[in-house]
N, C-alpha and C. Protein backbone atom coordinates (compact mmCIF):
# COMPACT_ATOMS: atom_id res chain seq x y z
N MET A 1 183.29 -16.33 -112.18
CA MET A 1 181.56 -16.00 -111.96
C MET A 1 181.22 -16.74 -113.10
N TYR A 2 181.07 -15.87 -114.06
CA TYR A 2 180.36 -16.56 -115.03
C TYR A 2 180.39 -17.51 -115.28
N ARG A 3 180.97 -18.33 -115.26
CA ARG A 3 181.79 -19.91 -115.91
C ARG A 3 181.30 -20.52 -114.49
N ASP A 4 181.60 -20.33 -113.46
CA ASP A 4 180.76 -21.28 -112.48
C ASP A 4 179.94 -21.68 -112.43
N LEU A 5 178.55 -20.12 -112.97
CA LEU A 5 176.88 -19.89 -112.95
C LEU A 5 176.19 -21.31 -114.65
N VAL A 6 177.57 -21.05 -114.87
CA VAL A 6 177.09 -22.32 -116.45
C VAL A 6 177.52 -23.31 -116.39
N PHE A 7 178.40 -23.19 -115.55
CA PHE A 7 178.58 -25.25 -115.66
C PHE A 7 177.93 -25.34 -114.48
N LEU A 8 177.12 -24.23 -113.64
CA LEU A 8 176.27 -25.03 -112.90
C LEU A 8 174.81 -25.52 -113.22
N LEU A 9 174.91 -24.55 -114.18
CA LEU A 9 173.41 -24.95 -115.08
C LEU A 9 173.86 -26.10 -115.88
N TYR A 10 174.27 -26.27 -116.36
CA TYR A 10 175.48 -27.25 -117.36
C TYR A 10 174.92 -28.67 -116.53
N VAL A 11 174.84 -28.64 -115.12
CA VAL A 11 175.05 -29.21 -114.76
C VAL A 11 174.31 -30.37 -114.13
N ILE A 12 173.25 -28.82 -113.75
CA ILE A 12 171.76 -28.94 -114.07
C ILE A 12 171.33 -30.05 -114.73
N LEU A 13 171.47 -29.41 -115.84
CA LEU A 13 170.38 -30.01 -117.07
C LEU A 13 170.96 -31.40 -117.54
N VAL A 14 172.01 -31.61 -117.31
CA VAL A 14 173.03 -32.80 -117.97
C VAL A 14 172.54 -34.13 -117.35
N PHE A 15 173.23 -33.54 -116.04
CA PHE A 15 173.05 -34.84 -114.80
C PHE A 15 171.52 -35.71 -114.89
N PRO A 16 170.66 -34.86 -114.47
CA PRO A 16 169.39 -35.74 -114.60
C PRO A 16 169.08 -36.77 -116.10
N ASN A 17 169.51 -36.55 -117.14
CA ASN A 17 169.30 -36.52 -118.51
C ASN A 17 170.38 -38.16 -118.52
N VAL A 18 171.31 -37.99 -117.90
CA VAL A 18 172.26 -38.97 -117.55
C VAL A 18 171.69 -40.44 -116.69
N LEU A 19 171.19 -39.53 -115.47
CA LEU A 19 171.10 -40.17 -114.50
C LEU A 19 169.41 -41.38 -115.35
N ALA A 20 169.02 -40.49 -116.47
CA ALA A 20 168.24 -41.55 -116.68
C ALA A 20 168.09 -41.95 -117.92
N TYR A 21 169.32 -41.67 -119.12
CA TYR A 21 169.93 -42.72 -119.83
C TYR A 21 169.82 -44.21 -119.22
N ASN A 22 170.88 -44.25 -117.75
CA ASN A 22 171.13 -45.09 -117.48
C ASN A 22 170.35 -46.10 -116.70
N ASP A 23 169.38 -45.22 -115.98
CA ASP A 23 167.67 -46.10 -116.01
C ASP A 23 167.41 -47.27 -116.71
N SER A 24 166.93 -46.42 -118.16
CA SER A 24 166.12 -47.11 -119.33
C SER A 24 167.42 -48.60 -119.25
């Protein structure tokens, strides 16, 4: 269960950064 929460948190934190990186 904790692993799922950590994975979800990781996606939430990293995904927007990836979009911002690709946008610029």
